[in-house]
Amino acid sequence: MSIESKTRDRLAVEDLPRRRDKEETRGKVVDAARALFAREGFERVTIRMIAEEAGVATGSVFITFTSKDELCDEIIIEYLTEVGGRVSNAAAQSAGKPVQARLALIGEALLADPPERLPFIRETIAASWTRTECAERKVRTAAGQIHEVISAVLAEAGSSGELAPKLDRALAVEMFVCVMFSNLKAVLYENASQPQIRQRIAAQIHMMLDGMRAARG
């Protein structure tokens, strides 16, 4: 092993505690911000408040995130990644079922957040109206997994003959996501129950698929 390689390995080992501390601080900051955004509202929360809630110095927050907006965006991206995992699992577990059943399970996975998380989601939606173009692109990229899974399910339905093989999948996915977002707003702002949402999802998917099949003919 060369001297350069030994030096790199030694520095990497010496850097491990620093990286662990940084990751631990980041976790505390993210958890604190998520709780504060839900409890106080995005606009009212300051970096100082986040630092106090996390039990770290204000400077430690700024070392990890350049602004409150960036911190919020990172939390949203983590959330979308988690939702993408739920959607992927729903698609995998429903493989072989009719497309209507598969989309219904995906819709339920999209909206499967526990009640205690809903205030945070409500605040992040409100904050999204002032998101920069760069941040919006990052968020859309994070949501890409969700779109890809839905598109794959529709493609399989096309291959099996349930839907037209030449269906405009990008448009169909966009329609599906928009409809699910309307259900999310019903949960957040109208206190819709899970049984109500499940019933709505079933009816909405049935209507969308009927439209897609009619377009085929």
C-alpha atoms as a PDB file:
ATOM      1  CA  MET A   1       0.000   0.000   0.000  1.00  0.00           C
ATOM      2  CA  SER A   2       1.395   3.406  -0.972  1.00  0.00           C
ATOM      3  CA  ILE A   3       2.021   6.227   1.490  1.00  0.00           C
ATOM      4  CA  GLU A   4      -0.765   8.229  -0.192  1.00  0.00           C
ATOM      5  CA  SER A   5      -3.262   5.389   0.299  1.00  0.00           C
ATOM      6  CA  LYS A   6      -2.276   4.957   3.954  1.00  0.00           C
ATOM      7  CA  THR A   7      -2.684   8.699   4.512  1.00  0.00           C
ATOM      8  CA  ARG A   8      -6.146   8.706   2.897  1.00  0.00           C
ATOM      9  CA  ASP A   9      -7.233   5.732   5.007  1.00  0.00           C
ATOM     10  CA  ARG A  10      -5.925   7.340   8.220  1.00  0.00           C
ATOM     11  CA  LEU A  11      -7.689  10.628   7.462  1.00  0.00           C
ATOM     12  CA  ALA A  12     -10.907   8.803   6.645  1.00  0.00           C
ATOM     13  CA  VAL A  13     -10.812   6.974   9.998  1.00  0.00           C
ATOM     14  CA  GLU A  14     -10.008  10.182  11.884  1.00  0.00           C
ATOM     15  CA  ASP A  15     -12.902  11.918  10.126  1.00  0.00           C
ATOM     16  CA  LEU A  16     -15.506   9.323  11.179  1.00  0.00           C
ATOM     17  CA  PRO A  17     -16.335  10.900  14.576  1.00  0.00           C
ATOM     18  CA  ARG A  18     -16.721  14.306  12.922  1.00  0.00           C
ATOM     19  CA  ARG A  19     -19.071  12.900  10.300  1.00  0.00           C
ATOM     20  CA  ARG A  20     -21.102  11.071  12.945  1.00  0.00           C
ATOM     21  CA  ASP A  21     -21.431  14.279  14.957  1.00  0.00           C
ATOM     22  CA  LYS A  22     -22.516  16.166  11.850  1.00  0.00           C
ATOM     23  CA  GLU A  23     -25.118  13.545  10.979  1.00  0.00           C
ATOM     24  CA  GLU A  24     -26.398  13.531  14.565  1.00  0.00           C
ATOM     25  CA  THR A  25     -26.687  17.317  14.562  1.00  0.00           C
ATOM     26  CA  ARG A  26     -28.480  17.241  11.233  1.00  0.00           C
ATOM     27  CA  GLY A  27     -30.966  14.706  12.567  1.00  0.00           C
ATOM     28  CA  LYS A  28     -31.684  16.815  15.634  1.00  0.00           C
ATOM     29  CA  VAL A  29     -32.166  19.947  13.527  1.00  0.00           C
ATOM     30  CA  VAL A  30     -34.493  18.230  11.062  1.00  0.00           C
ATOM     31  CA  ASP A  31     -36.600  16.684  13.851  1.00  0.00           C
ATOM     32  CA  ALA A  32     -36.807  20.016  15.671  1.00  0.00           C
ATOM     33  CA  ALA A  33     -37.747  21.933  12.527  1.00  0.00           C
ATOM     34  CA  ARG A  34     -40.401  19.405  11.582  1.00  0.00           C
ATOM     35  CA  ALA A  35     -41.977  19.651  15.031  1.00  0.00           C
ATOM     36  CA  LEU A  36     -41.818  23.457  15.125  1.00  0.00           C
ATOM     37  CA  PHE A  37     -43.232  23.925  11.622  1.00  0.00           C
ATOM     38  CA  ALA A  38     -46.183  21.758  12.641  1.00  0.00           C
ATOM     39  CA  ARG A  39     -46.675  23.438  16.015  1.00  0.00           C
ATOM     40  CA  GLU A  40     -45.939  27.089  15.279  1.00  0.00           C
ATOM     41  CA  GLY A  41     -46.319  27.424  11.508  1.00  0.00           C
ATOM     42  CA  PHE A  42     -43.532  27.875   8.984  1.00  0.00           C
ATOM     43  CA  GLU A  43     -43.559  31.686   8.968  1.00  0.00           C
ATOM     44  CA  ARG A  44     -43.276  32.076  12.733  1.00  0.00           C
ATOM     45  CA  VAL A  45     -40.368  29.680  13.183  1.00  0.00           C
ATOM     46  CA  THR A  46     -36.846  31.108  13.263  1.00  0.00           C
ATOM     47  CA  ILE A  47     -33.449  29.443  13.058  1.00  0.00           C
ATOM     48  CA  ARG A  48     -32.861  30.406  16.695  1.00  0.00           C
ATOM     49  CA  MET A  49     -36.061  28.591  17.697  1.00  0.00           C
ATOM     50  CA  ILE A  50     -34.971  25.508  15.744  1.00  0.00           C
ATOM     51  CA  ALA A  51     -31.552  25.547  17.419  1.00  0.00           C
ATOM     52  CA  GLU A  52     -33.100  25.812  20.886  1.00  0.00           C
ATOM     53  CA  GLU A  53     -35.569  23.007  20.140  1.00  0.00           C
ATOM     54  CA  ALA A  54     -32.736  20.816  18.838  1.00  0.00           C
ATOM     55  CA  GLY A  55     -30.409  21.658  21.718  1.00  0.00           C
ATOM     56  CA  VAL A  56     -27.618  22.881  19.444  1.00  0.00           C
ATOM     57  CA  ALA A  57     -25.922  26.206  18.773  1.00  0.00           C
ATOM     58  CA  THR A  58     -27.485  28.511  16.182  1.00  0.00           C
ATOM     59  CA  GLY A  59     -24.242  28.348  14.223  1.00  0.00           C
ATOM     60  CA  SER A  60     -24.551  24.579  13.993  1.00  0.00           C
ATOM     61  CA  VAL A  61     -27.846  24.983  12.146  1.00  0.00           C
ATOM     62  CA  PHE A  62     -26.293  27.384   9.637  1.00  0.00           C
ATOM     63  CA  ILE A  63     -23.331  25.062   9.112  1.00  0.00           C
ATOM     64  CA  THR A  64     -25.779  22.332   8.086  1.00  0.00           C
ATOM     65  CA  PHE A  65     -28.386  24.457   6.248  1.00  0.00           C
ATOM     66  CA  THR A  66     -27.957  27.887   4.691  1.00  0.00           C
ATOM     67  CA  SER A  67     -31.505  29.014   5.497  1.00  0.00           C
ATOM     68  CA  LYS A  68     -34.848  28.013   6.942  1.00  0.00           C
ATOM     69  CA  ASP A  69     -36.184  27.595   3.396  1.00  0.00           C
ATOM     70  CA  GLU A  70     -33.422  25.140   2.508  1.00  0.00           C
ATOM     71  CA  LEU A  71     -34.101  23.213   5.709  1.00  0.00           C
ATOM     72  CA  CYS A  72     -37.803  23.011   4.860  1.00  0.00           C
ATOM     73  CA  ASP A  73     -37.030  21.864   1.322  1.00  0.00           C
ATOM     74  CA  GLU A  74     -34.738  19.115   2.617  1.00  0.00           C
ATOM     75  CA  ILE A  75     -37.477  17.896   4.952  1.00  0.00           C
ATOM     76  CA  ILE A  76     -39.951  17.833   2.062  1.00  0.00           C
ATOM     77  CA  ILE A  77     -37.496  15.877  -0.084  1.00  0.00           C
ATOM     78  CA  GLU A  78     -36.998  13.329   2.705  1.00  0.00           C
ATOM     79  CA  TYR A  79     -40.760  13.068   3.065  1.00  0.00           C
ATOM     80  CA  LEU A  80     -41.283  12.511  -0.676  1.00  0.00           C
ATOM     81  CA  THR A  81     -38.571   9.848  -0.651  1.00  0.00           C
ATOM     82  CA  GLU A  82     -40.420   8.088   2.162  1.00  0.00           C
ATOM     83  CA  VAL A  83     -43.726   8.329   0.263  1.00  0.00           C
ATOM     84  CA  GLY A  84     -41.991   6.987  -2.828  1.00  0.00           C
ATOM     85  CA  GLY A  85     -40.969   3.940  -0.830  1.00  0.00           C
ATOM     86  CA  ARG A  86     -44.551   3.388   0.322  1.00  0.00           C
ATOM     87  CA  VAL A  87     -45.827   3.671  -3.242  1.00  0.00           C
ATOM     88  CA  SER A  88     -43.176   1.246  -4.521  1.00  0.00           C
ATOM     89  CA  ASN A  89     -44.156  -1.284  -1.862  1.00  0.00           C
ATOM     90  CA  ALA A  90     -47.847  -0.920  -2.725  1.00  0.00           C
ATOM     91  CA  ALA A  91     -47.108  -1.504  -6.409  1.00  0.00           C
ATOM     92  CA  ALA A  92     -44.925  -4.528  -5.670  1.00  0.00           C
ATOM     93  CA  GLN A  93     -47.412  -6.119  -3.257  1.00  0.00           C
ATOM     94  CA  SER A  94     -50.298  -5.643  -5.697  1.00  0.00           C
ATOM     95  CA  ALA A  95     -48.500  -7.113  -8.714  1.00  0.00           C
ATOM     96  CA  GLY A  96     -50.847  -9.272 -10.777  1.00  0.00           C
ATOM     97  CA  LYS A  97     -54.010  -7.562  -9.550  1.00  0.00           C
ATOM     98  CA  PRO A  98     -56.310  -5.516 -11.837  1.00  0.00           C
ATOM     99  CA  VAL A  99     -55.075  -1.988 -12.489  1.00  0.00           C
ATOM    100  CA  GLN A 100     -57.992  -0.455 -10.565  1.00  0.00           C
ATOM    101  CA  ALA A 101     -57.047  -2.346  -7.399  1.00  0.00           C
ATOM    102  CA  ARG A 102     -53.373  -1.484  -7.846  1.00  0.00           C
ATOM    103  CA  LEU A 103     -54.033   2.231  -8.283  1.00  0.00           C
ATOM    104  CA  ALA A 104     -56.355   2.216  -5.277  1.00  0.00           C
ATOM    105  CA  LEU A 105     -53.623   0.723  -3.091  1.00  0.00           C
ATOM    106  CA  ILE A 106     -51.107   3.249  -4.438  1.00  0.00           C
ATOM    107  CA  GLY A 107     -53.551   6.073  -3.686  1.00  0.00           C
ATOM    108  CA  GLU A 108     -53.964   4.836  -0.122  1.00  0.00           C
ATOM    109  CA  ALA A 109     -50.172   4.584   0.249  1.00  0.00           C
ATOM    110  CA  LEU A 110     -49.824   8.193  -0.873  1.00  0.00           C
ATOM    111  CA  LEU A 111     -52.174   9.285   1.899  1.00  0.00           C
ATOM    112  CA  ALA A 112     -51.015   6.908   4.628  1.00  0.00           C
ATOM    113  CA  ASP A 113     -49.510   9.546   6.934  1.00  0.00           C
ATOM    114  CA  PRO A 114     -50.421   9.365  10.629  1.00  0.00           C
ATOM    115  CA  PRO A 115     -52.618  12.187  12.012  1.00  0.00           C
ATOM    116  CA  GLU A 116     -49.749  13.726  14.012  1.00  0.00           C
ATOM    117  CA  ARG A 117     -47.857  14.445  10.784  1.00  0.00           C
ATOM    118  CA  LEU A 118     -50.721  16.277   9.065  1.00  0.00           C
ATOM    119  CA  PRO A 119     -50.002  19.731  10.590  1.00  0.00           C
ATOM    120  CA  PHE A 120     -46.462  19.588   9.196  1.00  0.00           C
ATOM    121  CA  ILE A 121     -47.721  18.613   5.738  1.00  0.00           C
ATOM    122  CA  ARG A 122     -50.227  21.464   5.856  1.00  0.00           C
ATOM    123  CA  GLU A 123     -47.458  23.953   6.632  1.00  0.00           C
ATOM    124  CA  THR A 124     -45.134  22.674   3.926  1.00  0.00           C
ATOM    125  CA  ILE A 125     -47.892  23.034   1.338  1.00  0.00           C
ATOM    126  CA  ALA A 126     -48.371  26.642   2.426  1.00  0.00           C
ATOM    127  CA  ALA A 127     -44.613  27.278   2.266  1.00  0.00           C
ATOM    128  CA  SER A 128     -44.349  25.751  -1.212  1.00  0.00           C
ATOM    129  CA  TRP A 129     -45.912  28.839  -2.810  1.00  0.00           C
ATOM    130  CA  THR A 130     -42.726  30.802  -2.156  1.00  0.00           C
ATOM    131  CA  ARG A 131     -40.280  28.066  -3.156  1.00  0.00           C
ATOM    132  CA  THR A 132     -37.502  29.114  -5.546  1.00  0.00           C
ATOM    133  CA  GLU A 133     -37.272  27.591  -9.011  1.00  0.00           C
ATOM    134  CA  CYS A 134     -34.139  25.676  -8.021  1.00  0.00           C
ATOM    135  CA  ALA A 135     -35.822  24.257  -4.928  1.00  0.00           C
ATOM    136  CA  GLU A 136     -38.933  23.379  -6.912  1.00  0.00           C
ATOM    137  CA  ARG A 137     -36.826  21.396  -9.356  1.00  0.00           C
ATOM    138  CA  LYS A 138     -35.238  19.444  -6.489  1.00  0.00           C
ATOM    139  CA  VAL A 139     -38.632  18.669  -5.007  1.00  0.00           C
ATOM    140  CA  ARG A 140     -39.993  17.551  -8.382  1.00  0.00           C
ATOM    141  CA  THR A 141     -36.969  15.302  -8.835  1.00  0.00           C
ATOM    142  CA  ALA A 142     -37.642  13.735  -5.434  1.00  0.00           C
ATOM    143  CA  ALA A 143     -41.244  13.102  -6.477  1.00  0.00           C
ATOM    144  CA  GLY A 144     -40.029  11.398  -9.644  1.00  0.00           C
ATOM    145  CA  GLN A 145     -40.016   7.931  -8.062  1.00  0.00           C
ATOM    146  CA  ILE A 146     -43.731   8.224  -7.344  1.00  0.00           C
ATOM    147  CA  HIS A 147     -44.487   9.166 -10.954  1.00  0.00           C
ATOM    148  CA  GLU A 148     -42.271   6.361 -12.287  1.00  0.00           C
ATOM    149  CA  VAL A 149     -44.029   3.706 -10.198  1.00  0.00           C
ATOM    150  CA  ILE A 150     -47.488   4.835 -11.320  1.00  0.00           C
ATOM    151  CA  SER A 151     -46.327   4.991 -14.929  1.00  0.00           C
ATOM    152  CA  ALA A 152     -44.964   1.440 -14.682  1.00  0.00           C
ATOM    153  CA  VAL A 153     -48.286   0.164 -13.309  1.00  0.00           C
ATOM    154  CA  LEU A 154     -50.145   1.818 -16.198  1.00  0.00           C
ATOM    155  CA  ALA A 155     -47.642   0.376 -18.680  1.00  0.00           C
ATOM    156  CA  GLU A 156     -48.239  -3.134 -17.319  1.00  0.00           C
ATOM    157  CA  ALA A 157     -51.981  -2.559 -17.645  1.00  0.00           C
ATOM    158  CA  GLY A 158     -51.397  -1.571 -21.254  1.00  0.00           C
ATOM    159  CA  SER A 159     -49.358  -4.705 -21.925  1.00  0.00           C
ATOM    160  CA  SER A 160     -52.065  -6.926 -20.415  1.00  0.00           C
ATOM    161  CA  GLY A 161     -54.824  -5.292 -22.464  1.00  0.00           C
ATOM    162  CA  GLU A 162     -56.575  -3.544 -19.553  1.00  0.00           C
ATOM    163  CA  LEU A 163     -55.625  -0.178 -21.019  1.00  0.00           C
ATOM    164  CA  ALA A 164     -54.587   1.050 -24.435  1.00  0.00           C
ATOM    165  CA  PRO A 165     -50.892   0.333 -25.095  1.00  0.00           C
ATOM    166  CA  LYS A 166     -50.506   3.814 -26.602  1.00  0.00           C
ATOM    167  CA  LEU A 167     -52.067   5.576 -23.623  1.00  0.00           C
ATOM    168  CA  ASP A 168     -50.468   8.947 -22.836  1.00  0.00           C
ATOM    169  CA  ARG A 169     -49.016   7.694 -19.559  1.00  0.00           C
ATOM    170  CA  ALA A 170     -47.387  10.983 -18.584  1.00  0.00           C
ATOM    171  CA  LEU A 171     -50.759  12.723 -18.767  1.00  0.00           C
ATOM    172  CA  ALA A 172     -52.500   9.852 -16.988  1.00  0.00           C
ATOM    173  CA  VAL A 173     -49.940   9.936 -14.160  1.00  0.00           C
ATOM    174  CA  GLU A 174     -50.343  13.700 -13.807  1.00  0.00           C
ATOM    175  CA  MET A 175     -54.129  13.307 -13.619  1.00  0.00           C
ATOM    176  CA  PHE A 176     -53.827  10.582 -10.981  1.00  0.00           C
ATOM    177  CA  VAL A 177     -51.424  12.608  -8.824  1.00  0.00           C
ATOM    178  CA  CYS A 178     -53.615  15.717  -9.059  1.00  0.00           C
ATOM    179  CA  VAL A 179     -56.652  13.721  -7.968  1.00  0.00           C
ATOM    180  CA  MET A 180     -54.738  12.256  -5.022  1.00  0.00           C
ATOM    181  CA  PHE A 181     -53.597  15.744  -4.057  1.00  0.00           C
ATOM    182  CA  SER A 182     -57.234  16.799  -3.922  1.00  0.00           C
ATOM    183  CA  ASN A 183     -57.819  13.946  -1.480  1.00  0.00           C
ATOM    184  CA  LEU A 184     -54.869  15.070   0.611  1.00  0.00           C
ATOM    185  CA  LYS A 185     -56.419  18.538   0.851  1.00  0.00           C
ATOM    186  CA  ALA A 186     -59.697  16.931   1.916  1.00  0.00           C
ATOM    187  CA  VAL A 187     -57.838  15.203   4.751  1.00  0.00           C
ATOM    188  CA  LEU A 188     -55.916  18.340   5.746  1.00  0.00           C
ATOM    189  CA  TYR A 189     -58.649  20.955   5.518  1.00  0.00           C
ATOM    190  CA  GLU A 190     -61.970  19.091   5.608  1.00  0.00           C
ATOM    191  CA  ASN A 191     -61.145  16.440   8.223  1.00  0.00           C
ATOM    192  CA  ALA A 192     -62.136  13.680   5.803  1.00  0.00           C
ATOM    193  CA  SER A 193     -61.901  10.252   7.427  1.00  0.00           C
ATOM    194  CA  GLN A 194     -59.940   7.319   6.024  1.00  0.00           C
ATOM    195  CA  PRO A 195     -63.123   5.412   5.030  1.00  0.00           C
ATOM    196  CA  GLN A 196     -64.368   8.511   3.196  1.00  0.00           C
ATOM    197  CA  ILE A 197     -61.058   8.943   1.404  1.00  0.00           C
ATOM    198  CA  ARG A 198     -60.910   5.265   0.498  1.00  0.00           C
ATOM    199  CA  GLN A 199     -64.388   5.496  -1.013  1.00  0.00           C
ATOM    200  CA  ARG A 200     -63.468   8.650  -2.914  1.00  0.00           C
ATOM    201  CA  ILE A 201     -60.299   7.078  -4.277  1.00  0.00           C
ATOM    202  CA  ALA A 202     -62.203   4.036  -5.544  1.00  0.00           C
ATOM    203  CA  ALA A 203     -64.804   6.208  -7.305  1.00  0.00           C
ATOM    204  CA  GLN A 204     -62.207   8.557  -8.784  1.00  0.00           C
ATOM    205  CA  ILE A 205     -60.039   5.761 -10.146  1.00  0.00           C
ATOM    206  CA  HIS A 206     -63.076   4.036 -11.628  1.00  0.00           C
ATOM    207  CA  MET A 207     -64.024   7.252 -13.436  1.00  0.00           C
ATOM    208  CA  MET A 208     -60.466   7.888 -14.681  1.00  0.00           C
ATOM    209  CA  LEU A 209     -60.075   4.365 -16.000  1.00  0.00           C
ATOM    210  CA  ASP A 210     -63.454   4.529 -17.727  1.00  0.00           C
ATOM    211  CA  GLY A 211     -62.247   7.671 -19.484  1.00  0.00           C
ATOM    212  CA  MET A 212     -58.976   6.042 -20.489  1.00  0.00           C
ATOM    213  CA  ARG A 213     -60.768   3.003 -21.896  1.00  0.00           C
ATOM    214  CA  ALA A 214     -63.251   5.175 -23.785  1.00  0.00           C
ATOM    215  CA  ALA A 215     -60.358   7.090 -25.337  1.00  0.00           C
ATOM    216  CA  ARG A 216     -58.943   3.763 -26.575  1.00  0.00           C
ATOM    217  CA  GLY A 217     -62.091   2.998 -28.518  1.00  0.00           C
END
